[in-house]
PDB file of N, CA and C in Angstrom:
ATOM      1  N   MET A   1      12.352   6.884   2.775  1.00  0.00           N
ATOM      2  CA  MET A   1      11.509   7.931   3.334  1.00  0.00           C
ATOM      3  C   MET A   1      10.504   7.283   4.281  1.00  0.00           C
ATOM      4  N   THR A   2      10.403   7.835   5.443  1.00  0.00           N
ATOM      5  CA  THR A   2       9.457   7.343   6.433  1.00  0.00           C
ATOM      6  C   THR A   2       8.190   8.201   6.393  1.00  0.00           C
ATOM      7  N   LYS A   3       7.190   7.763   7.132  1.00  0.00           N
ATOM      8  CA  LYS A   3       5.957   8.532   7.223  1.00  0.00           C
ATOM      9  C   LYS A   3       6.240   9.921   7.808  1.00  0.00           C
ATOM     10  N   ARG A   4       7.113   9.981   8.784  1.00  0.00           N
ATOM     11  CA  ARG A   4       7.495  11.266   9.403  1.00  0.00           C
ATOM     12  C   ARG A   4       8.137  12.201   8.372  1.00  0.00           C
ATOM     13  N   ASP A   5       9.018  11.646   7.540  1.00  0.00           N
ATOM     14  CA  ASP A   5       9.654  12.438   6.481  1.00  0.00           C
ATOM     15  C   ASP A   5       8.612  12.954   5.487  1.00  0.00           C
ATOM     16  N   LEU A   6       7.656  12.099   5.163  1.00  0.00           N
ATOM     17  CA  LEU A   6       6.593  12.492   4.236  1.00  0.00           C
ATOM     18  C   LEU A   6       5.758  13.633   4.815  1.00  0.00           C
ATOM     19  N   ILE A   7       5.434  13.544   6.080  1.00  0.00           N
ATOM     20  CA  ILE A   7       4.660  14.600   6.747  1.00  0.00           C
ATOM     21  C   ILE A   7       5.437  15.913   6.729  1.00  0.00           C
ATOM     22  N   ASP A   8       6.718  15.859   7.031  1.00  0.00           N
ATOM     23  CA  ASP A   8       7.546  17.067   7.003  1.00  0.00           C
ATOM     24  C   ASP A   8       7.610  17.675   5.610  1.00  0.00           C
ATOM     25  N   LEU A   9       7.734  16.832   4.597  1.00  0.00           N
ATOM     26  CA  LEU A   9       7.786  17.307   3.216  1.00  0.00           C
ATOM     27  C   LEU A   9       6.471  17.957   2.793  1.00  0.00           C
ATOM     28  N   VAL A  10       5.346  17.323   3.148  1.00  0.00           N
ATOM     29  CA  VAL A  10       4.030  17.884   2.826  1.00  0.00           C
ATOM     30  C   VAL A  10       3.844  19.222   3.530  1.00  0.00           C
ATOM     31  N   ALA A  11       4.240  19.299   4.773  1.00  0.00           N
ATOM     32  CA  ALA A  11       4.117  20.547   5.528  1.00  0.00           C
ATOM     33  C   ALA A  11       4.909  21.668   4.852  1.00  0.00           C
ATOM     34  N   LYS A  12       6.105  21.337   4.407  1.00  0.00           N
ATOM     35  CA  LYS A  12       6.964  22.335   3.780  1.00  0.00           C
ATOM     36  C   LYS A  12       6.435  22.754   2.404  1.00  0.00           C
ATOM     37  N   LYS A  13       6.104  21.780   1.555  1.00  0.00           N
ATOM     38  CA  LYS A  13       5.659  22.064   0.182  1.00  0.00           C
ATOM     39  C   LYS A  13       4.306  22.751   0.134  1.00  0.00           C
ATOM     40  N   ALA A  14       3.383  22.354   1.019  1.00  0.00           N
ATOM     41  CA  ALA A  14       2.029  22.900   1.004  1.00  0.00           C
ATOM     42  C   ALA A  14       1.871  24.085   1.956  1.00  0.00           C
ATOM     43  N   ASN A  15       2.971  24.457   2.627  1.00  0.00           N
ATOM     44  CA  ASN A  15       2.939  25.567   3.571  1.00  0.00           C
ATOM     45  C   ASN A  15       1.876  25.334   4.657  1.00  0.00           C
ATOM     46  N   LEU A  16       1.928  24.134   5.245  1.00  0.00           N
ATOM     47  CA  LEU A  16       0.994  23.748   6.300  1.00  0.00           C
ATOM     48  C   LEU A  16       1.750  23.572   7.613  1.00  0.00           C
ATOM     49  N   THR A  17       1.020  23.567   8.699  1.00  0.00           N
ATOM     50  CA  THR A  17       1.626  23.224   9.984  1.00  0.00           C
ATOM     51  C   THR A  17       1.875  21.715   9.986  1.00  0.00           C
ATOM     52  N   ASN A  18       2.750  21.272  10.857  1.00  0.00           N
ATOM     53  CA  ASN A  18       3.015  19.832  10.937  1.00  0.00           C
ATOM     54  C   ASN A  18       1.758  19.057  11.311  1.00  0.00           C
ATOM     55  N   LYS A  19       0.927  19.630  12.180  1.00  0.00           N
ATOM     56  CA  LYS A  19      -0.306  18.956  12.583  1.00  0.00           C
ATOM     57  C   LYS A  19      -1.243  18.802  11.396  1.00  0.00           C
ATOM     58  N   ALA A  20      -1.418  19.866  10.601  1.00  0.00           N
ATOM     59  CA  ALA A  20      -2.300  19.814   9.436  1.00  0.00           C
ATOM     60  C   ALA A  20      -1.759  18.836   8.395  1.00  0.00           C
ATOM     61  N   ALA A  21      -0.449  18.830   8.205  1.00  0.00           N
ATOM     62  CA  ALA A  21       0.167  17.907   7.250  1.00  0.00           C
ATOM     63  C   ALA A  21      -0.007  16.467   7.711  1.00  0.00           C
ATOM     64  N   ARG A  22       0.178  16.217   9.025  1.00  0.00           N
ATOM     65  CA  ARG A  22       0.007  14.869   9.579  1.00  0.00           C
ATOM     66  C   ARG A  22      -1.421  14.387   9.369  1.00  0.00           C
ATOM     67  N   GLU A  23      -2.402  15.253   9.613  1.00  0.00           N
ATOM     68  CA  GLU A  23      -3.812  14.890   9.414  1.00  0.00           C
ATOM     69  C   GLU A  23      -4.111  14.636   7.946  1.00  0.00           C
ATOM     70  N   SER A  24      -3.524  15.422   7.064  1.00  0.00           N
ATOM     71  CA  SER A  24      -3.734  15.243   5.626  1.00  0.00           C
ATOM     72  C   SER A  24      -3.171  13.910   5.142  1.00  0.00           C
ATOM     73  N   VAL A  25      -1.948  13.620   5.539  1.00  0.00           N
ATOM     74  CA  VAL A  25      -1.311  12.366   5.137  1.00  0.00           C
ATOM     75  C   VAL A  25      -2.088  11.184   5.712  1.00  0.00           C
ATOM     76  N   GLN A  26      -2.502  11.277   6.968  1.00  0.00           N
ATOM     77  CA  GLN A  26      -3.251  10.190   7.592  1.00  0.00           C
ATOM     78  C   GLN A  26      -4.601   9.991   6.908  1.00  0.00           C
ATOM     79  N   ALA A  27      -5.272  11.087   6.547  1.00  0.00           N
ATOM     80  CA  ALA A  27      -6.560  10.983   5.843  1.00  0.00           C
ATOM     81  C   ALA A  27      -6.374  10.309   4.490  1.00  0.00           C
ATOM     82  N   PHE A  28      -5.293  10.645   3.789  1.00  0.00           N
ATOM     83  CA  PHE A  28      -4.993  10.043   2.499  1.00  0.00           C
ATOM     84  C   PHE A  28      -4.760   8.532   2.646  1.00  0.00           C
ATOM     85  N   LEU A  29      -3.942   8.147   3.619  1.00  0.00           N
ATOM     86  CA  LEU A  29      -3.661   6.729   3.837  1.00  0.00           C
ATOM     87  C   LEU A  29      -4.901   5.967   4.292  1.00  0.00           C
ATOM     88  N   ASN A  30      -5.719   6.595   5.136  1.00  0.00           N
ATOM     89  CA  ASN A  30      -6.966   5.962   5.583  1.00  0.00           C
ATOM     90  C   ASN A  30      -7.926   5.752   4.420  1.00  0.00           C
ATOM     91  N   ALA A  31      -7.991   6.705   3.498  1.00  0.00           N
ATOM     92  CA  ALA A  31      -8.867   6.583   2.339  1.00  0.00           C
ATOM     93  C   ALA A  31      -8.441   5.399   1.479  1.00  0.00           C
ATOM     94  N   ILE A  32      -7.144   5.236   1.270  1.00  0.00           N
ATOM     95  CA  ILE A  32      -6.643   4.097   0.494  1.00  0.00           C
ATOM     96  C   ILE A  32      -6.966   2.795   1.223  1.00  0.00           C
ATOM     97  N   ARG A  33      -6.688   2.756   2.525  1.00  0.00           N
ATOM     98  CA  ARG A  33      -6.945   1.549   3.313  1.00  0.00           C
ATOM     99  C   ARG A  33      -8.414   1.153   3.287  1.00  0.00           C
ATOM    100  N   ASP A  34      -9.310   2.137   3.471  1.00  0.00           N
ATOM    101  CA  ASP A  34     -10.739   1.849   3.502  1.00  0.00           C
ATOM    102  C   ASP A  34     -11.248   1.370   2.147  1.00  0.00           C
ATOM    103  N   SER A  35     -10.730   1.932   1.072  1.00  0.00           N
ATOM    104  CA  SER A  35     -11.133   1.492  -0.271  1.00  0.00           C
ATOM    105  C   SER A  35     -10.686   0.059  -0.519  1.00  0.00           C
ATOM    106  N   LEU A  36      -9.466  -0.269  -0.131  1.00  0.00           N
ATOM    107  CA  LEU A  36      -8.980  -1.632  -0.300  1.00  0.00           C
ATOM    108  C   LEU A  36      -9.777  -2.606   0.562  1.00  0.00           C
ATOM    109  N   LYS A  37     -10.151  -2.166   1.747  1.00  0.00           N
ATOM    110  CA  LYS A  37     -10.945  -3.004   2.647  1.00  0.00           C
ATOM    111  C   LYS A  37     -12.292  -3.366   2.012  1.00  0.00           C
ATOM    112  N   ARG A  38     -12.853  -2.426   1.243  1.00  0.00           N
ATOM    113  CA  ARG A  38     -14.117  -2.670   0.541  1.00  0.00           C
ATOM    114  C   ARG A  38     -13.913  -3.443  -0.766  1.00  0.00           C
ATOM    115  N   GLY A  39     -12.658  -3.736  -1.111  1.00  0.00           N
ATOM    116  CA  GLY A  39     -12.361  -4.493  -2.317  1.00  0.00           C
ATOM    117  C   GLY A  39     -12.245  -3.635  -3.571  1.00  0.00           C
ATOM    118  N   GLU A  40     -12.161  -2.329  -3.399  1.00  0.00           N
ATOM    119  CA  GLU A  40     -12.065  -1.423  -4.538  1.00  0.00           C
ATOM    120  C   GLU A  40     -10.603  -1.177  -4.913  1.00  0.00           C
ATOM    121  N   LYS A  41     -10.388  -0.807  -6.180  1.00  0.00           N
ATOM    122  CA  LYS A  41      -9.060  -0.401  -6.630  1.00  0.00           C
ATOM    123  C   LYS A  41      -8.903   1.090  -6.382  1.00  0.00           C
ATOM    124  N   VAL A  42      -7.685   1.516  -6.114  1.00  0.00           N
ATOM    125  CA  VAL A  42      -7.372   2.936  -5.970  1.00  0.00           C
ATOM    126  C   VAL A  42      -6.363   3.280  -7.058  1.00  0.00           C
ATOM    127  N   VAL A  43      -6.789   4.115  -8.004  1.00  0.00           N
ATOM    128  CA  VAL A  43      -5.932   4.488  -9.121  1.00  0.00           C
ATOM    129  C   VAL A  43      -5.494   5.937  -8.945  1.00  0.00           C
ATOM    130  N   ILE A  44      -4.190   6.142  -8.871  1.00  0.00           N
ATOM    131  CA  ILE A  44      -3.631   7.489  -8.791  1.00  0.00           C
ATOM    132  C   ILE A  44      -2.859   7.688 -10.098  1.00  0.00           C
ATOM    133  N   THR A  45      -3.464   8.410 -11.003  1.00  0.00           N
ATOM    134  CA  THR A  45      -2.901   8.606 -12.327  1.00  0.00           C
ATOM    135  C   THR A  45      -1.499   9.203 -12.232  1.00  0.00           C
ATOM    136  N   GLY A  46      -0.578   8.606 -12.963  1.00  0.00           N
ATOM    137  CA  GLY A  46       0.802   9.056 -12.956  1.00  0.00           C
ATOM    138  C   GLY A  46       1.630   8.447 -11.844  1.00  0.00           C
ATOM    139  N   PHE A  47       1.005   7.750 -10.918  1.00  0.00           N
ATOM    140  CA  PHE A  47       1.734   7.141  -9.806  1.00  0.00           C
ATOM    141  C   PHE A  47       1.585   5.631  -9.820  1.00  0.00           C
ATOM    142  N   GLY A  48       0.349   5.141  -9.691  1.00  0.00           N
ATOM    143  CA  GLY A  48       0.146   3.700  -9.692  1.00  0.00           C
ATOM    144  C   GLY A  48      -1.235   3.303  -9.219  1.00  0.00           C
ATOM    145  N   THR A  49      -1.430   2.000  -9.079  1.00  0.00           N
ATOM    146  CA  THR A  49      -2.712   1.434  -8.694  1.00  0.00           C
ATOM    147  C   THR A  49      -2.540   0.517  -7.492  1.00  0.00           C
ATOM    148  N   PHE A  50      -3.330   0.772  -6.463  1.00  0.00           N
ATOM    149  CA  PHE A  50      -3.407  -0.120  -5.309  1.00  0.00           C
ATOM    150  C   PHE A  50      -4.607  -1.031  -5.533  1.00  0.00           C
ATOM    151  N   SER A  51      -4.446  -2.323  -5.270  1.00  0.00           N
ATOM    152  CA  SER A  51      -5.553  -3.256  -5.468  1.00  0.00           C
ATOM    153  C   SER A  51      -5.462  -4.390  -4.460  1.00  0.00           C
ATOM    154  N   VAL A  52      -6.521  -5.177  -4.391  1.00  0.00           N
ATOM    155  CA  VAL A  52      -6.555  -6.351  -3.536  1.00  0.00           C
ATOM    156  C   VAL A  52      -6.340  -7.567  -4.438  1.00  0.00           C
ATOM    157  N   ARG A  53      -5.354  -8.358  -4.114  1.00  0.00           N
ATOM    158  CA  ARG A  53      -5.047  -9.553  -4.903  1.00  0.00           C
ATOM    159  C   ARG A  53      -5.444 -10.790  -4.120  1.00  0.00           C
ATOM    160  N   LYS A  54      -5.993 -11.761  -4.844  1.00  0.00           N
ATOM    161  CA  LYS A  54      -6.400 -13.013  -4.206  1.00  0.00           C
ATOM    162  C   LYS A  54      -5.267 -14.017  -4.348  1.00  0.00           C
ATOM    163  N   ARG A  55      -4.844 -14.576  -3.234  1.00  0.00           N
ATOM    164  CA  ARG A  55      -3.804 -15.599  -3.219  1.00  0.00           C
ATOM    165  C   ARG A  55      -4.481 -16.943  -3.023  1.00  0.00           C
ATOM    166  N   ALA A  56      -4.224 -17.864  -3.905  1.00  0.00           N
ATOM    167  CA  ALA A  56      -4.837 -19.192  -3.845  1.00  0.00           C
ATOM    168  C   ALA A  56      -4.204 -20.013  -2.720  1.00  0.00           C
ATOM    169  N   ALA A  57      -4.954 -21.015  -2.262  1.00  0.00           N
ATOM    170  CA  ALA A  57      -4.412 -21.949  -1.274  1.00  0.00           C
ATOM    171  C   ALA A  57      -3.274 -22.715  -1.944  1.00  0.00           C
ATOM    172  N   ARG A  58      -2.256 -23.048  -1.165  1.00  0.00           N
ATOM    173  CA  ARG A  58      -1.116 -23.752  -1.743  1.00  0.00           C
ATOM    174  C   ARG A  58      -0.478 -24.664  -0.702  1.00  0.00           C
ATOM    175  N   PRO A  59       0.227 -25.683  -1.173  1.00  0.00           N
ATOM    176  CA  PRO A  59       0.897 -26.580  -0.224  1.00  0.00           C
ATOM    177  C   PRO A  59       2.146 -25.917   0.349  1.00  0.00           C
ATOM    178  N   GLY A  60       2.479 -26.310   1.554  1.00  0.00           N
ATOM    179  CA  GLY A  60       3.674 -25.782   2.210  1.00  0.00           C
ATOM    180  C   GLY A  60       4.185 -26.789   3.220  1.00  0.00           C
ATOM    181  N   ARG A  61       5.215 -26.402   3.943  1.00  0.00           N
ATOM    182  CA  ARG A  61       5.785 -27.271   4.976  1.00  0.00           C
ATOM    183  C   ARG A  61       5.987 -26.474   6.259  1.00  0.00           C
ATOM    184  N   ASN A  62       5.727 -27.132   7.367  1.00  0.00           N
ATOM    185  CA  ASN A  62       6.046 -26.554   8.664  1.00  0.00           C
ATOM    186  C   ASN A  62       7.564 -26.618   8.798  1.00  0.00           C
ATOM    187  N   PRO A  63       8.244 -25.455   8.899  1.00  0.00           N
ATOM    188  CA  PRO A  63       9.704 -25.481   8.940  1.00  0.00           C
ATOM    189  C   PRO A  63      10.286 -26.171  10.176  1.00  0.00           C
ATOM    190  N   LYS A  64       9.530 -26.220  11.238  1.00  0.00           N
ATOM    191  CA  LYS A  64      10.028 -26.816  12.477  1.00  0.00           C
ATOM    192  C   LYS A  64       9.974 -28.346  12.420  1.00  0.00           C
ATOM    193  N   THR A  65       8.832 -28.889  11.892  1.00  0.00           N
ATOM    194  CA  THR A  65       8.649 -30.340  11.908  1.00  0.00           C
ATOM    195  C   THR A  65       8.797 -30.973  10.534  1.00  0.00           C
ATOM    196  N   GLY A  66       8.723 -30.178   9.474  1.00  0.00           N
ATOM    197  CA  GLY A  66       8.795 -30.731   8.119  1.00  0.00           C
ATOM    198  C   GLY A  66       7.468 -31.296   7.649  1.00  0.00           C
ATOM    199  N   GLU A  67       6.441 -31.196   8.481  1.00  0.00           N
ATOM    200  CA  GLU A  67       5.126 -31.726   8.160  1.00  0.00           C
ATOM    201  C   GLU A  67       4.504 -30.921   7.018  1.00  0.00           C
ATOM    202  N   LYS A  68       3.835 -31.634   6.089  1.00  0.00           N
ATOM    203  CA  LYS A  68       3.151 -30.957   4.996  1.00  0.00           C
ATOM    204  C   LYS A  68       1.880 -30.295   5.516  1.00  0.00           C
ATOM    205  N   ILE A  69       1.644 -29.052   5.091  1.00  0.00           N
ATOM    206  CA  ILE A  69       0.447 -28.322   5.484  1.00  0.00           C
ATOM    207  C   ILE A  69      -0.113 -27.624   4.252  1.00  0.00           C
ATOM    208  N   THR A  70      -1.331 -27.158   4.372  1.00  0.00           N
ATOM    209  CA  THR A  70      -1.931 -26.355   3.313  1.00  0.00           C
ATOM    210  C   THR A  70      -2.033 -24.923   3.820  1.00  0.00           C
ATOM    211  N   ILE A  71      -1.438 -24.018   3.055  1.00  0.00           N
ATOM    212  CA  ILE A  71      -1.515 -22.598   3.394  1.00  0.00           C
ATOM    213  C   ILE A  71      -2.827 -22.079   2.823  1.00  0.00           C
ATOM    214  N   ALA A  72      -3.666 -21.506   3.668  1.00  0.00           N
ATOM    215  CA  ALA A  72      -5.019 -21.092   3.277  1.00  0.00           C
ATOM    216  C   ALA A  72      -4.990 -19.955   2.252  1.00  0.00           C
ATOM    217  N   ALA A  73      -6.060 -19.884   1.471  1.00  0.00           N
ATOM    218  CA  ALA A  73      -6.226 -18.777   0.529  1.00  0.00           C
ATOM    219  C   ALA A  73      -6.465 -17.500   1.314  1.00  0.00           C
ATOM    220  N   ARG A  74      -6.030 -16.383   0.741  1.00  0.00           N
ATOM    221  CA  ARG A  74      -6.228 -15.118   1.432  1.00  0.00           C
ATOM    222  C   ARG A  74      -6.182 -13.977   0.432  1.00  0.00           C
ATOM    223  N   LYS A  75      -6.503 -12.805   0.921  1.00  0.00           N
ATOM    224  CA  LYS A  75      -6.405 -11.595   0.114  1.00  0.00           C
ATOM    225  C   LYS A  75      -5.200 -10.816   0.598  1.00  0.00           C
ATOM    226  N   ALA A  76      -4.503 -10.156  -0.337  1.00  0.00           N
ATOM    227  CA  ALA A  76      -3.326  -9.374   0.027  1.00  0.00           C
ATOM    228  C   ALA A  76      -3.331  -8.066  -0.759  1.00  0.00           C
ATOM    229  N   PRO A  77      -2.857  -6.990  -0.155  1.00  0.00           N
ATOM    230  CA  PRO A  77      -2.782  -5.734  -0.898  1.00  0.00           C
ATOM    231  C   PRO A  77      -1.669  -5.800  -1.932  1.00  0.00           C
ATOM    232  N   GLY A  78      -1.896  -5.107  -3.031  1.00  0.00           N
ATOM    233  CA  GLY A  78      -0.891  -5.073  -4.080  1.00  0.00           C
ATOM    234  C   GLY A  78      -0.762  -3.681  -4.649  1.00  0.00           C
ATOM    235  N   PHE A  79       0.383  -3.409  -5.262  1.00  0.00           N
ATOM    236  CA  PHE A  79       0.624  -2.122  -5.888  1.00  0.00           C
ATOM    237  C   PHE A  79       1.285  -2.353  -7.227  1.00  0.00           C
ATOM    238  N   THR A  80       0.775  -1.679  -8.246  1.00  0.00           N
ATOM    239  CA  THR A  80       1.377  -1.712  -9.564  1.00  0.00           C
ATOM    240  C   THR A  80       1.774  -0.292  -9.917  1.00  0.00           C
ATOM    241  N   ALA A  81       3.042  -0.093 -10.179  1.00  0.00           N
ATOM    242  CA  ALA A  81       3.536   1.241 -10.509  1.00  0.00           C
ATOM    243  C   ALA A  81       2.992   1.676 -11.863  1.00  0.00           C
ATOM    244  N   GLY A  82       2.668   2.954 -11.965  1.00  0.00           N
ATOM    245  CA  GLY A  82       2.175   3.512 -13.210  1.00  0.00           C
ATOM    246  C   GLY A  82       3.308   3.773 -14.191  1.00  0.00           C
ATOM    247  N   LYS A  83       2.933   4.015 -15.422  1.00  0.00           N
ATOM    248  CA  LYS A  83       3.893   4.231 -16.495  1.00  0.00           C
ATOM    249  C   LYS A  83       4.828   5.410 -16.194  1.00  0.00           C
ATOM    250  N   THR A  84       4.261   6.509 -15.729  1.00  0.00           N
ATOM    251  CA  THR A  84       5.059   7.701 -15.431  1.00  0.00           C
ATOM    252  C   THR A  84       6.057   7.432 -14.308  1.00  0.00           C
ATOM    253  N   LEU A  85       5.627   6.759 -13.245  1.00  0.00           N
ATOM    254  CA  LEU A  85       6.511   6.446 -12.119  1.00  0.00           C
ATOM    255  C   LEU A  85       7.643   5.527 -12.582  1.00  0.00           C
ATOM    256  N   LYS A  86       7.321   4.517 -13.382  1.00  0.00           N
ATOM    257  CA  LYS A  86       8.350   3.604 -13.880  1.00  0.00           C
ATOM    258  C   LYS A  86       9.385   4.366 -14.704  1.00  0.00           C
ATOM    259  N   LYS A  87       8.908   5.279 -15.525  1.00  0.00           N
ATOM    260  CA  LYS A  87       9.817   6.044 -16.391  1.00  0.00           C
ATOM    261  C   LYS A  87      10.749   6.928 -15.562  1.00  0.00           C
ATOM    262  N   ILE A  88      10.230   7.559 -14.507  1.00  0.00           N
ATOM    263  CA  ILE A  88      11.038   8.427 -13.648  1.00  0.00           C
ATOM    264  C   ILE A  88      12.089   7.630 -12.879  1.00  0.00           C
ATOM    265  N   VAL A  89      11.723   6.448 -12.411  1.00  0.00           N
ATOM    266  CA  VAL A  89      12.631   5.636 -11.600  1.00  0.00           C
ATOM    267  C   VAL A  89      13.773   5.077 -12.443  1.00  0.00           C
ATOM    268  N   ARG A  90      13.504   4.768 -13.694  1.00  0.00           N
ATOM    269  CA  ARG A  90      14.554   4.225 -14.571  1.00  0.00           C
ATOM    270  C   ARG A  90      15.594   5.255 -14.748  1.00  0.00           C
TER     271      ARG A  90
END
């Protein structure tokens, strides 16, 4: 499912225009993005949890030269599926 498919589905299920559905979906995604940017968790009961995970610095190799390098520590978005979602997917 693409973002376009999601917008069409929301428009149909909620009886909205495509423009209103697009704005709703975009507002929802922006809210999740902004919360993660602030370092907050986003918990959607029955679906899952979006969070920011810290990745430690680690050794690596430059694939072109084979030279050893250190990959810097960083933050990455993460998602953990909720119990209900896991049960439905199984």
